[in-house]
Amino acid sequence: MRDPQERLKLLICILSFFDQPFSVLTYAKQEDERKRQALFEHYQDTEDCLNDMDDKFRLLLEQNITNYKEKIAWHKNNLKQQEYIVLVAGQL
């Protein structure tokens, strides 16, 4: 059996290991939310621009890019998703 000082050092090491991944995951989640919000705003601005577009240009756009309104709506809806999947791999 290890002496108490060694056991304490090992315990501190293990506890610091478990604390670190959670802060990294929290940071990653916050960054993801920030990026999703920025992308959502760009899609919203694009949608506003397309709605204000002249009918002639809009017709040309619709001929060349099929279902662009549905695609934008799908992406905006996807960005509102709040589910996070975290894959963790490691070795102790």
PDB file of N, CA and C in Angstrom:
ATOM      1  N   MET A   1       0.844  -1.175   0.000  1.00  0.00           N
ATOM      2  CA  MET A   1       0.000   0.000   0.000  1.00  0.00           C
ATOM      3  C   MET A   1       0.891   1.239   0.000  1.00  0.00           C
ATOM      4  N   ARG A   2       0.437   2.293  -0.685  1.00  0.00           N
ATOM      5  CA  ARG A   2       1.197   3.539  -0.744  1.00  0.00           C
ATOM      6  C   ARG A   2       1.059   4.309   0.557  1.00  0.00           C
ATOM      7  N   ASP A   3       2.058   5.153   0.810  1.00  0.00           N
ATOM      8  CA  ASP A   3       1.976   5.973   2.025  1.00  0.00           C
ATOM      9  C   ASP A   3       0.930   7.082   1.824  1.00  0.00           C
ATOM     10  N   PRO A   4       0.449   7.704   2.899  1.00  0.00           N
ATOM     11  CA  PRO A   4      -0.625   8.704   2.817  1.00  0.00           C
ATOM     12  C   PRO A   4      -0.302   9.889   1.906  1.00  0.00           C
ATOM     13  N   GLN A   5       0.953  10.319   1.889  1.00  0.00           N
ATOM     14  CA  GLN A   5       1.310  11.451   1.031  1.00  0.00           C
ATOM     15  C   GLN A   5       1.169  11.085  -0.441  1.00  0.00           C
ATOM     16  N   GLU A   6       1.603   9.895  -0.809  1.00  0.00           N
ATOM     17  CA  GLU A   6       1.477   9.436  -2.195  1.00  0.00           C
ATOM     18  C   GLU A   6       0.014   9.295  -2.584  1.00  0.00           C
ATOM     19  N   ARG A   7      -0.771   8.758  -1.674  1.00  0.00           N
ATOM     20  CA  ARG A   7      -2.195   8.595  -1.946  1.00  0.00           C
ATOM     21  C   ARG A   7      -2.869   9.958  -2.123  1.00  0.00           C
ATOM     22  N   LEU A   8      -2.482  10.932  -1.312  1.00  0.00           N
ATOM     23  CA  LEU A   8      -3.038  12.275  -1.419  1.00  0.00           C
ATOM     24  C   LEU A   8      -2.662  12.912  -2.763  1.00  0.00           C
ATOM     25  N   LYS A   9      -1.404  12.774  -3.164  1.00  0.00           N
ATOM     26  CA  LYS A   9      -0.967  13.311  -4.447  1.00  0.00           C
ATOM     27  C   LYS A   9      -1.740  12.662  -5.593  1.00  0.00           C
ATOM     28  N   LEU A  10      -1.933  11.363  -5.508  1.00  0.00           N
ATOM     29  CA  LEU A  10      -2.674  10.642  -6.538  1.00  0.00           C
ATOM     30  C   LEU A  10      -4.131  11.115  -6.586  1.00  0.00           C
ATOM     31  N   LEU A  11      -4.727  11.294  -5.418  1.00  0.00           N
ATOM     32  CA  LEU A  11      -6.103  11.763  -5.347  1.00  0.00           C
ATOM     33  C   LEU A  11      -6.240  13.159  -5.944  1.00  0.00           C
ATOM     34  N   ILE A  12      -5.322  14.061  -5.626  1.00  0.00           N
ATOM     35  CA  ILE A  12      -5.340  15.420  -6.178  1.00  0.00           C
ATOM     36  C   ILE A  12      -5.185  15.379  -7.689  1.00  0.00           C
ATOM     37  N   CYS A  13      -4.312  14.532  -8.157  1.00  0.00           N
ATOM     38  CA  CYS A  13      -4.094  14.381  -9.600  1.00  0.00           C
ATOM     39  C   CYS A  13      -5.372  13.899 -10.280  1.00  0.00           C
ATOM     40  N   ILE A  14      -6.012  12.909  -9.709  1.00  0.00           N
ATOM     41  CA  ILE A  14      -7.243  12.363 -10.285  1.00  0.00           C
ATOM     42  C   ILE A  14      -8.355  13.407 -10.273  1.00  0.00           C
ATOM     43  N   LEU A  15      -8.498  14.114  -9.151  1.00  0.00           N
ATOM     44  CA  LEU A  15      -9.548  15.133  -9.068  1.00  0.00           C
ATOM     45  C   LEU A  15      -9.314  16.270 -10.048  1.00  0.00           C
ATOM     46  N   SER A  16      -8.082  16.684 -10.221  1.00  0.00           N
ATOM     47  CA  SER A  16      -7.804  17.763 -11.176  1.00  0.00           C
ATOM     48  C   SER A  16      -8.064  17.287 -12.604  1.00  0.00           C
ATOM     49  N   PHE A  17      -7.838  16.007 -12.861  1.00  0.00           N
ATOM     50  CA  PHE A  17      -8.125  15.438 -14.183  1.00  0.00           C
ATOM     51  C   PHE A  17      -9.616  15.492 -14.479  1.00  0.00           C
ATOM     52  N   PHE A  18     -10.441  15.163 -13.480  1.00  0.00           N
ATOM     53  CA  PHE A  18     -11.883  15.155 -13.701  1.00  0.00           C
ATOM     54  C   PHE A  18     -12.456  16.554 -13.806  1.00  0.00           C
ATOM     55  N   ASP A  19     -11.862  17.529 -13.170  1.00  0.00           N
ATOM     56  CA  ASP A  19     -12.354  18.897 -13.231  1.00  0.00           C
ATOM     57  C   ASP A  19     -12.042  19.532 -14.583  1.00  0.00           C
ATOM     58  N   GLN A  20     -10.900  19.242 -15.141  1.00  0.00           N
ATOM     59  CA  GLN A  20     -10.458  19.872 -16.380  1.00  0.00           C
ATOM     60  C   GLN A  20     -11.366  19.552 -17.576  1.00  0.00           C
ATOM     61  N   PRO A  21     -11.745  18.312 -17.827  1.00  0.00           N
ATOM     62  CA  PRO A  21     -12.590  18.046 -18.993  1.00  0.00           C
ATOM     63  C   PRO A  21     -13.923  18.787 -18.949  1.00  0.00           C
ATOM     64  N   PHE A  22     -14.503  18.958 -17.764  1.00  0.00           N
ATOM     65  CA  PHE A  22     -15.779  19.652 -17.690  1.00  0.00           C
ATOM     66  C   PHE A  22     -15.638  21.118 -18.081  1.00  0.00           C
ATOM     67  N   SER A  23     -14.555  21.765 -17.688  1.00  0.00           N
ATOM     68  CA  SER A  23     -14.367  23.156 -18.082  1.00  0.00           C
ATOM     69  C   SER A  23     -14.100  23.254 -19.585  1.00  0.00           C
ATOM     70  N   VAL A  24     -13.408  22.290 -20.133  1.00  0.00           N
ATOM     71  CA  VAL A  24     -13.160  22.270 -21.576  1.00  0.00           C
ATOM     72  C   VAL A  24     -14.476  22.064 -22.321  1.00  0.00           C
ATOM     73  N   LEU A  25     -15.312  21.162 -21.834  1.00  0.00           N
ATOM     74  CA  LEU A  25     -16.606  20.922 -22.470  1.00  0.00           C
ATOM     75  C   LEU A  25     -17.516  22.141 -22.354  1.00  0.00           C
ATOM     76  N   THR A  26     -17.493  22.801 -21.217  1.00  0.00           N
ATOM     77  CA  THR A  26     -18.304  24.005 -21.041  1.00  0.00           C
ATOM     78  C   THR A  26     -17.864  25.083 -22.023  1.00  0.00           C
ATOM     79  N   TYR A  27     -16.569  25.268 -22.158  1.00  0.00           N
ATOM     80  CA  TYR A  27     -16.037  26.252 -23.106  1.00  0.00           C
ATOM     81  C   TYR A  27     -16.437  25.887 -24.539  1.00  0.00           C
ATOM     82  N   ALA A  28     -16.308  24.620 -24.897  1.00  0.00           N
ATOM     83  CA  ALA A  28     -16.655  24.177 -26.252  1.00  0.00           C
ATOM     84  C   ALA A  28     -18.139  24.414 -26.530  1.00  0.00           C
ATOM     85  N   LYS A  29     -18.982  24.163 -25.546  1.00  0.00           N
ATOM     86  CA  LYS A  29     -20.422  24.379 -25.713  1.00  0.00           C
ATOM     87  C   LYS A  29     -20.713  25.863 -25.910  1.00  0.00           C
ATOM     88  N   GLN A  30     -20.077  26.715 -25.135  1.00  0.00           N
ATOM     89  CA  GLN A  30     -20.290  28.155 -25.266  1.00  0.00           C
ATOM     90  C   GLN A  30     -19.828  28.661 -26.632  1.00  0.00           C
ATOM     91  N   GLU A  31     -18.695  28.160 -27.100  1.00  0.00           N
ATOM     92  CA  GLU A  31     -18.185  28.540 -28.418  1.00  0.00           C
ATOM     93  C   GLU A  31     -19.140  28.076 -29.511  1.00  0.00           C
ATOM     94  N   ASP A  32     -19.652  26.861 -29.373  1.00  0.00           N
ATOM     95  CA  ASP A  32     -20.595  26.327 -30.352  1.00  0.00           C
ATOM     96  C   ASP A  32     -21.861  27.177 -30.397  1.00  0.00           C
ATOM     97  N   GLU A  33     -22.374  27.550 -29.231  1.00  0.00           N
ATOM     98  CA  GLU A  33     -23.574  28.389 -29.173  1.00  0.00           C
ATOM     99  C   GLU A  33     -23.320  29.752 -29.812  1.00  0.00           C
ATOM    100  N   ARG A  34     -22.156  30.329 -29.568  1.00  0.00           N
ATOM    101  CA  ARG A  34     -21.810  31.630 -30.155  1.00  0.00           C
ATOM    102  C   ARG A  34     -21.745  31.535 -31.683  1.00  0.00           C
ATOM    103  N   LYS A  35     -21.109  30.492 -32.176  1.00  0.00           N
ATOM    104  CA  LYS A  35     -20.984  30.310 -33.624  1.00  0.00           C
ATOM    105  C   LYS A  35     -22.338  30.029 -34.267  1.00  0.00           C
ATOM    106  N   ARG A  36     -23.158  29.218 -33.605  1.00  0.00           N
ATOM    107  CA  ARG A  36     -24.498  28.938 -34.130  1.00  0.00           C
ATOM    108  C   ARG A  36     -25.318  30.221 -34.226  1.00  0.00           C
ATOM    109  N   GLN A  37     -25.235  31.069 -33.210  1.00  0.00           N
ATOM    110  CA  GLN A  37     -25.977  32.321 -33.219  1.00  0.00           C
ATOM    111  C   GLN A  37     -25.497  33.224 -34.348  1.00  0.00           C
ATOM    112  N   ALA A  38     -24.191  33.295 -34.547  1.00  0.00           N
ATOM    113  CA  ALA A  38     -23.644  34.129 -35.627  1.00  0.00           C
ATOM    114  C   ALA A  38     -24.109  33.612 -36.991  1.00  0.00           C
ATOM    115  N   LEU A  39     -24.061  32.288 -37.184  1.00  0.00           N
ATOM    116  CA  LEU A  39     -24.524  31.719 -38.446  1.00  0.00           C
ATOM    117  C   LEU A  39     -26.014  31.950 -38.654  1.00  0.00           C
ATOM    118  N   PHE A  40     -26.790  31.798 -37.583  1.00  0.00           N
ATOM    119  CA  PHE A  40     -28.228  32.023 -37.673  1.00  0.00           C
ATOM    120  C   PHE A  40     -28.510  33.460 -38.124  1.00  0.00           C
ATOM    121  N   GLU A  41     -27.785  34.406 -37.565  1.00  0.00           N
ATOM    122  CA  GLU A  41     -27.972  35.810 -37.945  1.00  0.00           C
ATOM    123  C   GLU A  41     -27.611  36.043 -39.409  1.00  0.00           C
ATOM    124  N   HIS A  42     -26.562  35.365 -39.898  1.00  0.00           N
ATOM    125  CA  HIS A  42     -26.199  35.491 -41.316  1.00  0.00           C
ATOM    126  C   HIS A  42     -27.300  34.916 -42.206  1.00  0.00           C
ATOM    127  N   TYR A  43     -27.840  33.769 -41.819  1.00  0.00           N
ATOM    128  CA  TYR A  43     -28.951  33.197 -42.593  1.00  0.00           C
ATOM    129  C   TYR A  43     -30.153  34.133 -42.576  1.00  0.00           C
ATOM    130  N   GLN A  44     -30.434  34.741 -41.437  1.00  0.00           N
ATOM    131  CA  GLN A  44     -31.555  35.672 -41.330  1.00  0.00           C
ATOM    132  C   GLN A  44     -31.333  36.886 -42.228  1.00  0.00           C
ATOM    133  N   ASP A  45     -30.108  37.431 -42.215  1.00  0.00           N
ATOM    134  CA  ASP A  45     -29.784  38.568 -43.073  1.00  0.00           C
ATOM    135  C   ASP A  45     -29.914  38.193 -44.550  1.00  0.00           C
ATOM    136  N   THR A  46     -29.462  36.997 -44.899  1.00  0.00           N
ATOM    137  CA  THR A  46     -29.568  36.515 -46.278  1.00  0.00           C
ATOM    138  C   THR A  46     -31.026  36.390 -46.683  1.00  0.00           C
ATOM    139  N   GLU A  47     -31.827  35.832 -45.794  1.00  0.00           N
ATOM    140  CA  GLU A  47     -33.248  35.674 -46.069  1.00  0.00           C
ATOM    141  C   GLU A  47     -33.922  37.036 -46.257  1.00  0.00           C
ATOM    142  N   ASP A  48     -33.582  37.993 -45.411  1.00  0.00           N
ATOM    143  CA  ASP A  48     -34.127  39.353 -45.542  1.00  0.00           C
ATOM    144  C   ASP A  48     -33.726  39.976 -46.879  1.00  0.00           C
ATOM    145  N   CYS A  49     -32.481  39.795 -47.255  1.00  0.00           N
ATOM    146  CA  CYS A  49     -31.984  40.330 -48.521  1.00  0.00           C
ATOM    147  C   CYS A  49     -32.730  39.698 -49.697  1.00  0.00           C
ATOM    148  N   LEU A  50     -32.928  38.395 -49.644  1.00  0.00           N
ATOM    149  CA  LEU A  50     -33.641  37.705 -50.725  1.00  0.00           C
ATOM    150  C   LEU A  50     -35.098  38.156 -50.812  1.00  0.00           C
ATOM    151  N   ASN A  51     -35.702  38.423 -49.671  1.00  0.00           N
ATOM    152  CA  ASN A  51     -37.090  38.883 -49.673  1.00  0.00           C
ATOM    153  C   ASN A  51     -37.224  40.290 -50.248  1.00  0.00           C
ATOM    154  N   ASP A  52     -36.176  41.109 -50.095  1.00  0.00           N
ATOM    155  CA  ASP A  52     -36.195  42.468 -50.627  1.00  0.00           C
ATOM    156  C   ASP A  52     -35.721  42.539 -52.081  1.00  0.00           C
ATOM    157  N   MET A  53     -35.279  41.409 -52.613  1.00  0.00           N
ATOM    158  CA  MET A  53     -34.710  41.362 -53.953  1.00  0.00           C
ATOM    159  C   MET A  53     -35.772  41.630 -55.022  1.00  0.00           C
ATOM    160  N   ASP A  54     -35.345  42.245 -56.091  1.00  0.00           N
ATOM    161  CA  ASP A  54     -36.207  42.494 -57.242  1.00  0.00           C
ATOM    162  C   ASP A  54     -36.720  41.155 -57.797  1.00  0.00           C
ATOM    163  N   ASP A  55     -37.959  41.155 -58.285  1.00  0.00           N
ATOM    164  CA  ASP A  55     -38.574  39.909 -58.782  1.00  0.00           C
ATOM    165  C   ASP A  55     -37.781  39.279 -59.926  1.00  0.00           C
ATOM    166  N   LYS A  56     -37.179  40.092 -60.781  1.00  0.00           N
ATOM    167  CA  LYS A  56     -36.401  39.554 -61.906  1.00  0.00           C
ATOM    168  C   LYS A  56     -35.201  38.760 -61.398  1.00  0.00           C
ATOM    169  N   PHE A  57     -34.503  39.328 -60.423  1.00  0.00           N
ATOM    170  CA  PHE A  57     -33.335  38.636 -59.866  1.00  0.00           C
ATOM    171  C   PHE A  57     -33.753  37.387 -59.097  1.00  0.00           C
ATOM    172  N   ARG A  58     -34.854  37.499 -58.375  1.00  0.00           N
ATOM    173  CA  ARG A  58     -35.341  36.356 -57.602  1.00  0.00           C
ATOM    174  C   ARG A  58     -35.722  35.198 -58.533  1.00  0.00           C
ATOM    175  N   LEU A  59     -36.346  35.508 -59.670  1.00  0.00           N
ATOM    176  CA  LEU A  59     -36.715  34.477 -60.638  1.00  0.00           C
ATOM    177  C   LEU A  59     -35.477  33.780 -61.193  1.00  0.00           C
ATOM    178  N   LEU A  60     -34.457  34.569 -61.510  1.00  0.00           N
ATOM    179  CA  LEU A  60     -33.195  33.977 -61.984  1.00  0.00           C
ATOM    180  C   LEU A  60     -32.568  33.080 -60.915  1.00  0.00           C
ATOM    181  N   LEU A  61     -32.617  33.539 -59.691  1.00  0.00           N
ATOM    182  CA  LEU A  61     -32.064  32.756 -58.586  1.00  0.00           C
ATOM    183  C   LEU A  61     -32.820  31.440 -58.421  1.00  0.00           C
ATOM    184  N   GLU A  62     -34.142  31.519 -58.475  1.00  0.00           N
ATOM    185  CA  GLU A  62     -34.955  30.311 -58.319  1.00  0.00           C
ATOM    186  C   GLU A  62     -34.729  29.318 -59.448  1.00  0.00           C
ATOM    187  N   GLN A  63     -34.406  29.810 -60.633  1.00  0.00           N
ATOM    188  CA  GLN A  63     -34.120  28.919 -61.761  1.00  0.00           C
ATOM    189  C   GLN A  63     -32.786  28.205 -61.592  1.00  0.00           C
ATOM    190  N   ASN A  64     -31.832  28.875 -60.973  1.00  0.00           N
ATOM    191  CA  ASN A  64     -30.489  28.303 -60.840  1.00  0.00           C
ATOM    192  C   ASN A  64     -30.258  27.555 -59.531  1.00  0.00           C
ATOM    193  N   ILE A  65     -30.967  27.943 -58.485  1.00  0.00           N
ATOM    194  CA  ILE A  65     -30.808  27.286 -57.185  1.00  0.00           C
ATOM    195  C   ILE A  65     -32.191  26.827 -56.734  1.00  0.00           C
ATOM    196  N   THR A  66     -32.438  25.555 -56.875  1.00  0.00           N
ATOM    197  CA  THR A  66     -33.765  25.036 -56.537  1.00  0.00           C
ATOM    198  C   THR A  66     -33.943  24.943 -55.029  1.00  0.00           C
ATOM    199  N   ASN A  67     -35.135  25.233 -54.580  1.00  0.00           N
ATOM    200  CA  ASN A  67     -35.533  25.112 -53.173  1.00  0.00           C
ATOM    201  C   ASN A  67     -34.646  25.910 -52.215  1.00  0.00           C
ATOM    202  N   TYR A  68     -34.155  27.062 -52.637  1.00  0.00           N
ATOM    203  CA  TYR A  68     -33.249  27.802 -51.752  1.00  0.00           C
ATOM    204  C   TYR A  68     -33.945  28.276 -50.480  1.00  0.00           C
ATOM    205  N   LYS A  69     -35.234  28.577 -50.564  1.00  0.00           N
ATOM    206  CA  LYS A  69     -35.951  29.008 -49.358  1.00  0.00           C
ATOM    207  C   LYS A  69     -36.042  27.866 -48.345  1.00  0.00           C
ATOM    208  N   GLU A  70     -36.333  26.666 -48.841  1.00  0.00           N
ATOM    209  CA  GLU A  70     -36.416  25.510 -47.954  1.00  0.00           C
ATOM    210  C   GLU A  70     -35.059  25.168 -47.344  1.00  0.00           C
ATOM    211  N   LYS A  71     -34.011  25.328 -48.144  1.00  0.00           N
ATOM    212  CA  LYS A  71     -32.661  25.039 -47.647  1.00  0.00           C
ATOM    213  C   LYS A  71     -32.263  26.013 -46.533  1.00  0.00           C
ATOM    214  N   ILE A  72     -32.579  27.272 -46.729  1.00  0.00           N
ATOM    215  CA  ILE A  72     -32.265  28.262 -45.696  1.00  0.00           C
ATOM    216  C   ILE A  72     -33.064  27.972 -44.431  1.00  0.00           C
ATOM    217  N   ALA A  73     -34.358  27.664 -44.598  1.00  0.00           N
ATOM    218  CA  ALA A  73     -35.204  27.347 -43.441  1.00  0.00           C
ATOM    219  C   ALA A  73     -34.676  26.119 -42.708  1.00  0.00           C
ATOM    220  N   TRP A  74     -34.213  25.110 -43.460  1.00  0.00           N
ATOM    221  CA  TRP A  74     -33.677  23.890 -42.834  1.00  0.00           C
ATOM    222  C   TRP A  74     -32.430  24.220 -42.015  1.00  0.00           C
ATOM    223  N   HIS A  75     -31.542  25.009 -42.592  1.00  0.00           N
ATOM    224  CA  HIS A  75     -30.305  25.367 -41.886  1.00  0.00           C
ATOM    225  C   HIS A  75     -30.597  26.196 -40.638  1.00  0.00           C
ATOM    226  N   LYS A  76     -31.531  27.140 -40.737  1.00  0.00           N
ATOM    227  CA  LYS A  76     -31.892  27.948 -39.572  1.00  0.00           C
ATOM    228  C   LYS A  76     -32.469  27.065 -38.465  1.00  0.00           C
ATOM    229  N   ASN A  77     -33.327  26.128 -38.848  1.00  0.00           N
ATOM    230  CA  ASN A  77     -33.908  25.210 -37.868  1.00  0.00           C
ATOM    231  C   ASN A  77     -32.832  24.323 -37.237  1.00  0.00           C
ATOM    232  N   ASN A  78     -31.905  23.868 -38.054  1.00  0.00           N
ATOM    233  CA  ASN A  78     -30.814  23.020 -37.566  1.00  0.00           C
ATOM    234  C   ASN A  78     -29.924  23.778 -36.582  1.00  0.00           C
ATOM    235  N   LEU A  79     -29.722  25.061 -36.806  1.00  0.00           N
ATOM    236  CA  LEU A  79     -28.892  25.863 -35.912  1.00  0.00           C
ATOM    237  C   LEU A  79     -29.561  26.102 -34.562  1.00  0.00           C
ATOM    238  N   LYS A  80     -30.879  26.004 -34.514  1.00  0.00           N
ATOM    239  CA  LYS A  80     -31.606  26.180 -33.257  1.00  0.00           C
ATOM    240  C   LYS A  80     -31.564  24.920 -32.383  1.00  0.00           C
ATOM    241  N   GLN A  81     -31.061  23.825 -32.931  1.00  0.00           N
ATOM    242  CA  GLN A  81     -30.980  22.565 -32.192  1.00  0.00           C
ATOM    243  C   GLN A  81     -30.140  22.753 -30.935  1.00  0.00           C
ATOM    244  N   GLN A  82     -30.601  22.221 -29.823  1.00  0.00           N
ATOM    245  CA  GLN A  82     -29.903  22.393 -28.550  1.00  0.00           C
ATOM    246  C   GLN A  82     -29.325  21.084 -28.019  1.00  0.00           C
ATOM    247  N   GLU A  83     -29.358  20.043 -28.778  1.00  0.00           N
ATOM    248  CA  GLU A  83     -28.855  18.750 -28.327  1.00  0.00           C
ATOM    249  C   GLU A  83     -27.359  18.657 -28.637  1.00  0.00           C
ATOM    250  N   TYR A  84     -26.609  18.204 -27.667  1.00  0.00           N
ATOM    251  CA  TYR A  84     -25.168  18.073 -27.847  1.00  0.00           C
ATOM    252  C   TYR A  84     -24.760  16.634 -27.624  1.00  0.00           C
ATOM    253  N   ILE A  85     -23.943  16.131 -28.530  1.00  0.00           N
ATOM    254  CA  ILE A  85     -23.420  14.779 -28.412  1.00  0.00           C
ATOM    255  C   ILE A  85     -21.931  14.902 -28.125  1.00  0.00           C
ATOM    256  N   VAL A  86     -21.502  14.269 -27.054  1.00  0.00           N
ATOM    257  CA  VAL A  86     -20.100  14.354 -26.652  1.00  0.00           C
ATOM    258  C   VAL A  86     -19.513  12.953 -26.679  1.00  0.00           C
ATOM    259  N   LEU A  87     -18.481  12.795 -27.463  1.00  0.00           N
ATOM    260  CA  LEU A  87     -17.755  11.530 -27.499  1.00  0.00           C
ATOM    261  C   LEU A  87     -16.487  11.693 -26.668  1.00  0.00           C
ATOM    262  N   VAL A  88     -16.305  10.794 -25.743  1.00  0.00           N
ATOM    263  CA  VAL A  88     -15.154  10.873 -24.854  1.00  0.00           C
ATOM    264  C   VAL A  88     -14.356   9.584 -24.976  1.00  0.00           C
ATOM    265  N   ALA A  89     -13.087   9.738 -25.169  1.00  0.00           N
ATOM    266  CA  ALA A  89     -12.210   8.578 -25.218  1.00  0.00           C
ATOM    267  C   ALA A  89     -10.977   8.890 -24.374  1.00  0.00           C
ATOM    268  N   GLY A  90     -10.469   7.920 -23.751  1.00  0.00           N
ATOM    269  CA  GLY A  90      -9.284   8.170 -22.938  1.00  0.00           C
ATOM    270  C   GLY A  90      -8.804   6.916 -22.245  1.00  0.00           C
ATOM    271  N   GLN A  91      -7.753   7.094 -21.517  1.00  0.00           N
ATOM    272  CA  GLN A  91      -7.143   5.989 -20.812  1.00  0.00           C
ATOM    273  C   GLN A  91      -6.661   6.494 -19.470  1.00  0.00           C
ATOM    274  N   LEU A  92      -6.914   5.746 -18.442  1.00  0.00           N
ATOM    275  CA  LEU A  92      -6.425   6.108 -17.111  1.00  0.00           C
ATOM    276  C   LEU A  92      -5.137   5.393 -16.803  1.00  0.00           C
TER     277      LEU A  92
END
